[in-house]
Amino acid sequence: MLLVTLCSERERTYVIVDALDQCEASNERRSFLLFLQSLPYGSTRLLVTSRPNHEEIYYTFTTASQIKIAAPDSEIERFVTEKMEERKEFVERVTQDLKSQIISMICARASDM
């Protein structure tokens, strides 16, 4: 493949793959992971971003350095509150208790995202 050849010919090549978990077709993602593993070791620097919920992605890069990035609950809470308050019709129809429940549920479900 052309990218493998280019990586082999250069002293250093940087390859960035963003949102690998967004590749819906698992057989295509599996093929792409095998391709990434075939890039020349040493001359190629690879940066992959992904949510941690795909085992095949996780296990492909278990020996690689990993950085976990997650928003703190306070930031998620602030964001959700702002979005709810932007919708006047929503604010008028919902009790404060329900708003709190919504915020708590979203914060709880947003971990690892």
Protein backbone atom coordinates (compact mmCIF):
# COMPACT_ATOMS: atom_id res chain seq x y z
CA MET A 1 0.00 0.00 0.00
CA LEU A 2 1.16 3.54 -0.73
CA LEU A 3 1.26 4.68 2.91
CA VAL A 4 3.47 1.74 3.94
CA THR A 5 5.86 2.56 1.10
CA LEU A 6 5.97 6.25 2.02
CA CYS A 7 6.57 5.42 5.69
CA SER A 8 9.42 3.12 4.67
CA GLU A 9 11.05 5.75 2.48
CA ARG A 10 10.96 8.56 5.05
CA GLU A 11 13.07 8.98 8.15
CA ARG A 12 9.99 9.84 10.20
CA THR A 13 6.29 9.77 9.31
CA TYR A 14 3.42 10.85 11.53
CA VAL A 15 0.06 9.14 11.04
CA ILE A 16 -2.99 10.42 12.93
CA VAL A 17 -6.23 8.44 13.06
CA ASP A 18 -9.06 10.23 14.84
CA ALA A 19 -12.19 8.54 16.22
CA LEU A 20 -11.29 5.01 15.19
CA ASP A 21 -14.23 3.73 17.23
CA GLN A 22 -16.55 5.54 14.82
CA CYS A 23 -15.76 2.99 12.10
CA GLU A 24 -19.02 1.05 12.28
CA ALA A 25 -18.17 -1.97 10.15
CA SER A 26 -16.20 -4.25 12.48
CA ASN A 27 -14.58 -6.25 9.66
CA GLU A 28 -13.36 -3.01 8.04
CA ARG A 29 -12.08 -1.77 11.39
CA ARG A 30 -10.32 -5.10 11.96
CA SER A 31 -8.64 -4.85 8.54
CA PHE A 32 -7.64 -1.26 9.24
CA LEU A 33 -6.14 -2.25 12.61
CA LEU A 34 -4.06 -4.94 10.89
CA PHE A 35 -2.94 -2.33 8.38
CA LEU A 36 -1.90 0.07 11.15
CA GLN A 37 0.11 -2.72 12.77
CA SER A 38 1.91 -3.29 9.46
CA LEU A 39 3.30 0.24 9.33
CA PRO A 40 7.11 0.27 9.57
CA TYR A 41 8.23 0.20 13.19
CA GLY A 42 10.67 2.92 14.16
CA SER A 43 10.11 5.41 11.37
CA THR A 44 6.36 5.72 11.87
CA ARG A 45 4.77 7.61 14.72
CA LEU A 46 1.12 6.68 15.17
CA LEU A 47 -1.52 8.61 17.12
CA VAL A 48 -4.96 7.00 17.40
CA THR A 49 -7.95 8.45 19.22
CA SER A 50 -10.85 6.27 20.27
CA ARG A 51 -13.33 5.71 23.03
CA PRO A 52 -12.25 2.77 25.18
CA ASN A 53 -15.35 0.67 24.54
CA HIS A 54 -14.07 -1.45 21.64
CA GLU A 55 -12.09 -4.47 22.78
CA GLU A 56 -10.35 -5.04 19.46
CA ILE A 57 -9.02 -1.47 19.46
CA TYR A 58 -7.99 -1.73 23.10
CA TYR A 59 -6.16 -5.03 22.63
CA THR A 60 -4.43 -3.87 19.44
CA PHE A 61 -2.76 -1.04 21.33
CA THR A 62 -2.22 -2.59 24.80
CA THR A 63 1.56 -2.10 24.60
CA ALA A 64 1.29 1.50 23.35
CA SER A 65 1.33 4.55 25.57
CA GLN A 66 -2.19 5.64 26.40
CA ILE A 67 -3.65 8.89 27.65
CA LYS A 68 -7.14 8.84 29.11
CA ILE A 69 -9.03 12.07 28.60
CA ALA A 70 -12.33 12.58 30.38
CA ALA A 71 -14.32 15.62 31.36
CA PRO A 72 -14.88 16.00 35.10
CA ASP A 73 -18.47 15.64 36.30
CA SER A 74 -18.58 19.34 37.16
CA GLU A 75 -17.93 20.27 33.50
CA ILE A 76 -20.53 17.81 32.23
CA GLU A 77 -23.03 19.11 34.78
CA ARG A 78 -22.36 22.71 33.75
CA PHE A 79 -22.75 21.86 30.05
CA VAL A 80 -26.01 19.95 30.53
CA THR A 81 -27.44 22.67 32.76
CA GLU A 82 -26.62 25.34 30.17
CA LYS A 83 -28.21 23.31 27.39
CA MET A 84 -31.38 22.73 29.40
CA GLU A 85 -31.65 26.41 30.30
CA GLU A 86 -31.33 27.40 26.63
CA ARG A 87 -34.70 25.72 26.03
CA LYS A 88 -37.24 27.91 27.74
CA GLU A 89 -40.14 25.53 27.03
CA PHE A 90 -38.19 22.70 28.69
CA VAL A 91 -37.35 24.74 31.79
CA GLU A 92 -40.99 25.77 32.22
CA ARG A 93 -42.29 22.18 32.10
CA VAL A 94 -39.76 20.34 34.24
CA THR A 95 -39.37 20.35 38.01
CA GLN A 96 -36.04 21.06 39.66
CA ASP A 97 -35.99 17.49 40.97
CA LEU A 98 -36.33 16.08 37.44
CA LYS A 99 -33.59 18.41 36.16
CA SER A 100 -31.30 17.12 38.91
CA GLN A 101 -32.13 13.52 38.01
CA ILE A 102 -31.39 14.19 34.34
CA ILE A 103 -28.04 15.79 35.16
CA SER A 104 -27.08 12.94 37.52
CA MET A 105 -27.99 10.28 34.95
CA ILE A 106 -26.04 11.97 32.15
CA CYS A 107 -22.98 12.43 34.37
CA ALA A 108 -23.12 8.78 35.40
CA ARG A 109 -23.45 7.57 31.81
CA ALA A 110 -20.80 9.93 30.45
CA SER A 111 -17.91 8.24 32.23
CA ASP A 112 -15.28 6.96 29.75
CA MET A 113 -16.66 9.08 26.95
